């Protein structure tokens, strides 16, 4: 495998991919500050500082479109989610394969496809270049993944994640597995965005946006943030489903 130094392929991720319709009592969410423990949340309530997160007391369902995935793609997704569950306490449930294709306009509620519930988190690989949010990637980097979640407000005015999307560049020069410079590291990073972690500069953190020569393991800062996004915090009331 070609080695390009410590900063190899940039993983540029969106904090939120689209938004569900928000009821009028919804508050204002902003990106969180860097926590002294070494993590940052993609979204916090401006008034309370509480992070936007999934309800840790309900399973997070997901589907995978592996039609363009590299060898071992499904296994890498499931391993990344298992490693995230181990440190967060979140429960991820595989609902099976799908032919749905990721899109920035993906609807978070698709009753015709998934039934009367929020759509599951979607993992998908594409063969076209990924757009870099906010501009073009620098000359020595390539965007290989985009990840994030939609949120809606519950009846208490709390922002709650409802579904998410991870889109990966199937043409990226990465190997399967969870060593350095692998699909495992890229997928783990994007899962971090889906559950609510933002980028940090720490080179030992999975949430550093550059793939480096390091194991694909959650670092101390990552683990602290993931625990707070998961079972380290209380249950949440689910937002109501959109109704036409």
Protein backbone atom coordinates (compact mmCIF):
# COMPACT_ATOMS: atom_id res chain seq x y z
CA UNK A 1 0.00 0.00 0.00
CA UNK A 2 1.27 3.45 -0.88
CA UNK A 3 2.38 5.53 2.11
CA UNK A 4 2.16 9.30 1.86
CA UNK A 5 3.33 10.29 5.32
CA UNK A 6 1.38 11.06 8.47
CA UNK A 7 -1.32 13.12 6.76
CA UNK A 8 -2.68 10.83 4.08
CA UNK A 9 -6.30 10.97 2.99
CA UNK A 10 -8.50 13.62 4.58
CA UNK A 11 -11.79 12.50 6.06
CA UNK A 12 -14.03 15.55 5.79
CA UNK A 13 -17.42 15.07 7.44
CA UNK A 14 -20.58 17.06 7.79
CA UNK A 15 -21.96 17.61 11.26
CA UNK A 16 -25.55 17.16 10.13
CA UNK A 17 -26.83 15.83 6.80
CA UNK A 18 -30.11 17.64 6.33
CA UNK A 19 -32.71 18.28 8.99
CA UNK A 20 -36.18 17.04 9.68
CA UNK A 21 -39.00 19.55 9.97
CA UNK A 22 -38.63 21.21 13.36
CA UNK A 23 -41.58 22.07 15.59
CA UNK A 24 -41.83 25.69 16.80
CA UNK A 25 -40.65 24.91 20.35
CA UNK A 26 -37.25 23.76 19.05
CA UNK A 27 -34.19 25.46 20.46
CA UNK A 28 -30.98 26.59 18.80
CA UNK A 29 -28.06 24.19 18.34
CA UNK A 30 -24.42 25.14 17.73
CA UNK A 31 -21.10 23.25 17.54
CA UNK A 32 -19.73 22.53 20.98
CA UNK A 33 -16.41 23.84 22.38
CA UNK A 34 -13.36 21.61 22.80
CA UNK A 35 -13.76 19.68 26.04
CA UNK A 36 -10.63 19.51 28.27
CA UNK A 37 -10.84 15.71 28.02
CA UNK A 38 -10.15 15.92 24.28
CA UNK A 39 -13.43 15.76 22.40
CA UNK A 40 -15.90 18.12 20.77
CA UNK A 41 -19.60 17.62 20.06
CA UNK A 42 -20.98 18.39 16.61
CA UNK A 43 -24.06 20.00 18.14
CA UNK A 44 -25.05 21.32 21.56
CA UNK A 45 -28.04 23.25 22.85
CA UNK A 46 -26.96 26.90 22.84
CA UNK A 47 -28.78 27.58 26.12
CA UNK A 48 -27.82 24.48 28.14
CA UNK A 49 -24.67 23.16 26.45
CA UNK A 50 -26.17 19.66 26.32
CA UNK A 51 -25.10 17.66 23.26
CA UNK A 52 -27.43 16.51 20.54
CA UNK A 53 -27.45 12.72 20.69
CA UNK A 54 -29.44 9.59 20.01
CA UNK A 55 -31.69 8.20 22.71
CA UNK A 56 -29.29 5.79 24.46
CA UNK A 57 -32.19 3.69 25.76
CA UNK A 58 -33.35 2.66 22.28
CA UNK A 59 -31.49 0.72 19.59
CA UNK A 60 -29.96 2.61 16.67
CA UNK A 61 -30.94 0.67 13.54
CA UNK A 62 -28.79 0.69 10.41
CA UNK A 63 -28.76 -0.65 6.86
CA UNK A 64 -25.90 -1.12 4.41
CA UNK A 65 -25.78 -0.66 0.63
CA UNK A 66 -22.72 -2.78 -0.15
CA UNK A 67 -23.26 -2.92 -3.92
CA UNK A 68 -20.11 -0.81 -4.51
CA UNK A 69 -18.29 -1.65 -1.28
CA UNK A 70 -14.71 -2.93 -1.27
CA UNK A 71 -14.05 -6.46 -0.06
CA UNK A 72 -14.90 -6.75 3.63
CA UNK A 73 -16.96 -3.55 3.65
CA UNK A 74 -19.93 -4.90 5.57
CA UNK A 75 -17.68 -6.60 8.11
CA UNK A 76 -15.74 -3.36 8.67
CA UNK A 77 -18.99 -1.44 9.28
CA UNK A 78 -20.16 -4.00 11.81
CA UNK A 79 -16.79 -4.09 13.59
CA UNK A 80 -16.71 -0.28 13.78
CA UNK A 81 -20.17 -0.24 15.32
CA UNK A 82 -19.27 -3.00 17.76
CA UNK A 83 -16.21 -1.00 18.90
CA UNK A 84 -18.37 2.09 19.29
CA UNK A 85 -21.00 0.17 21.26
CA UNK A 86 -18.32 -1.15 23.59
CA UNK A 87 -17.20 2.30 24.72
CA UNK A 88 -20.54 4.16 24.49
CA UNK A 89 -23.10 1.61 25.60
CA UNK A 90 -25.17 2.39 22.50
CA UNK A 91 -26.92 -0.56 20.87
CA UNK A 92 -26.65 -0.84 17.07
CA UNK A 93 -29.00 -3.25 15.26
CA UNK A 94 -28.47 -4.38 11.65
CA UNK A 95 -31.71 -4.28 9.64
CA UNK A 96 -30.08 -5.86 6.58
CA UNK A 97 -29.04 -4.75 3.10
CA UNK A 98 -30.68 -1.93 1.18
CA UNK A 99 -30.61 -0.51 -2.33
CA UNK A 100 -31.06 3.04 -1.04
CA UNK A 101 -28.37 5.42 -2.30
CA UNK A 102 -27.03 8.15 -0.04
CA UNK A 103 -27.95 11.73 -0.84
CA UNK A 104 -27.58 15.13 0.88
CA UNK A 105 -31.37 15.40 0.52
CA UNK A 106 -32.07 12.02 2.14
CA UNK A 107 -35.42 12.04 3.93
CA UNK A 108 -35.13 11.01 7.60
CA UNK A 109 -38.64 9.51 7.48
CA UNK A 110 -39.38 7.05 4.65
CA UNK A 111 -42.46 5.03 5.57
CA UNK A 112 -42.81 3.45 2.11
CA UNK A 113 -39.33 1.95 2.39
CA UNK A 114 -38.77 1.42 6.11
CA UNK A 115 -42.21 1.59 7.73
CA UNK A 116 -43.71 3.95 10.31
CA UNK A 117 -40.47 4.84 12.08
CA UNK A 118 -37.42 7.01 11.56
CA UNK A 119 -35.28 5.67 8.72
CA UNK A 120 -32.28 3.59 9.83
CA UNK A 121 -28.74 4.94 9.57
CA UNK A 122 -27.50 4.32 6.02
CA UNK A 123 -23.99 3.18 5.05
CA UNK A 124 -23.21 3.51 1.36
CA UNK A 125 -20.19 3.55 -0.97
CA UNK A 126 -20.02 5.71 -4.10
CA UNK A 127 -17.64 5.79 -7.06
CA UNK A 128 -17.87 9.52 -7.75
CA UNK A 129 -15.74 12.11 -5.89
CA UNK A 130 -17.23 13.32 -2.63
CA UNK A 131 -17.92 17.03 -2.36
CA UNK A 132 -16.00 18.78 0.40
CA UNK A 133 -18.32 20.83 2.64
CA UNK A 134 -17.33 24.48 2.63
CA UNK A 135 -14.91 24.29 -0.28
CA UNK A 136 -12.36 22.13 -2.05
CA UNK A 137 -9.99 19.82 -0.20
CA UNK A 138 -6.35 20.89 -0.15
CA UNK A 139 -4.08 19.68 -2.95
CA UNK A 140 -2.52 16.85 -0.92
CA UNK A 141 -5.73 15.43 0.50
CA UNK A 142 -8.77 13.56 -0.77
CA UNK A 143 -12.18 13.41 0.84
CA UNK A 144 -12.99 9.74 1.43
CA UNK A 145 -15.96 9.91 3.76
CA UNK A 146 -18.91 12.01 4.83
CA UNK A 147 -20.96 11.26 7.91
CA UNK A 148 -23.59 12.89 10.07
CA UNK A 149 -27.08 12.69 11.51
CA UNK A 150 -30.41 14.47 11.23
CA UNK A 151 -32.08 15.78 14.35
CA UNK A 152 -35.61 16.74 15.32
CA UNK A 153 -36.97 18.24 18.52
CA UNK A 154 -39.03 16.23 21.00
CA UNK A 155 -41.96 17.53 23.01
CA UNK A 156 -39.57 18.83 25.67
CA UNK A 157 -37.74 21.00 23.14
CA UNK A 158 -34.65 18.76 23.16
CA UNK A 159 -32.78 18.11 19.91
CA UNK A 160 -32.50 14.35 19.34
CA UNK A 161 -30.76 12.54 16.49
CA UNK A 162 -33.21 10.46 14.45
CA UNK A 163 -31.15 8.92 11.64
CA UNK A 164 -27.85 9.39 9.87
CA UNK A 165 -25.81 8.65 6.76
CA UNK A 166 -22.24 7.54 6.11
CA UNK A 167 -21.05 7.91 2.51
CA UNK A 168 -17.66 6.46 1.55
CA UNK A 169 -15.53 6.74 -1.60
CA UNK A 170 -15.25 3.18 -2.91
CA UNK A 171 -12.21 4.14 -5.03
CA UNK A 172 -10.07 5.18 -2.03
CA UNK A 173 -6.71 3.43 -1.70
CA UNK A 174 -7.40 1.75 1.61
CA UNK A 175 -7.27 -1.82 2.83
CA UNK A 176 -9.90 -3.71 4.78
CA UNK A 177 -9.50 -4.08 8.52
CA UNK A 178 -8.49 -1.92 11.46
CA UNK A 179 -4.76 -1.34 11.27
CA UNK A 180 -3.34 1.99 10.13
CA UNK A 181 -4.63 3.61 6.93
CA UNK A 182 -7.57 1.23 6.59
CA UNK A 183 -11.28 1.30 5.88
CA UNK A 184 -11.79 0.51 9.53
CA UNK A 185 -10.21 3.80 10.56
CA UNK A 186 -12.29 5.75 8.02
CA UNK A 187 -15.56 4.09 9.01
CA UNK A 188 -14.88 4.47 12.72
CA UNK A 189 -14.30 8.21 12.17
CA UNK A 190 -17.57 8.63 10.30
CA UNK A 191 -19.48 6.65 12.93
CA UNK A 192 -18.09 9.15 15.44
CA UNK A 193 -19.72 11.95 13.47
CA UNK A 194 -23.00 10.06 13.20
CA UNK A 195 -23.31 9.67 16.98
CA UNK A 196 -22.23 13.25 17.66
CA UNK A 197 -18.46 13.79 17.76
CA UNK A 198 -16.75 16.59 15.81
CA UNK A 199 -13.17 16.94 14.57
CA UNK A 200 -10.26 17.48 16.95
CA UNK A 201 -6.60 18.23 16.25
CA UNK A 202 -5.14 15.49 18.46
CA UNK A 203 -3.24 13.15 16.06
CA UNK A 204 -3.90 10.16 18.33
CA UNK A 205 -7.68 10.65 18.14
CA UNK A 206 -9.88 8.82 15.65
CA UNK A 207 -11.69 12.14 15.27
CA UNK A 208 -8.61 13.81 13.80
CA UNK A 209 -9.68 14.41 10.16
CA UNK A 210 -6.51 12.91 8.64
CA UNK A 211 -5.85 9.21 8.39
CA UNK A 212 -2.46 8.51 9.93
CA UNK A 213 -0.33 5.49 10.67
CA UNK A 214 -2.14 4.53 13.86
CA UNK A 215 -4.44 1.73 15.00
CA UNK A 216 -8.15 2.23 14.44
CA UNK A 217 -8.96 2.40 18.15
CA UNK A 218 -10.91 5.02 20.05
CA UNK A 219 -8.53 7.23 22.03
CA UNK A 220 -9.10 8.52 25.58
CA UNK A 221 -10.79 11.74 24.43
CA UNK A 222 -12.96 9.87 21.93
CA UNK A 223 -14.01 7.40 24.62
CA UNK A 224 -14.96 10.15 27.07
CA UNK A 225 -17.13 11.87 24.47
CA UNK A 226 -18.75 8.65 23.29
CA UNK A 227 -19.66 7.65 26.85
CA UNK A 228 -21.34 11.02 27.39
CA UNK A 229 -23.24 10.61 24.11
CA UNK A 230 -24.31 7.13 25.16
CA UNK A 231 -25.09 5.42 28.44
CA UNK A 232 -23.25 8.07 30.45
CA UNK A 233 -26.33 10.25 29.95
CA UNK A 234 -30.04 9.81 30.62
CA UNK A 235 -32.73 8.48 28.28
CA UNK A 236 -34.37 10.91 25.86
CA UNK A 237 -37.96 11.25 24.69
CA UNK A 238 -38.18 10.38 21.00
CA UNK A 239 -39.26 13.19 18.64
CA UNK A 240 -42.67 12.75 16.99
CA UNK A 241 -42.65 11.43 13.44
CA UNK A 242 -43.45 13.93 10.66
CA UNK A 243 -47.05 13.82 9.55
CA UNK A 244 -48.43 15.02 6.25
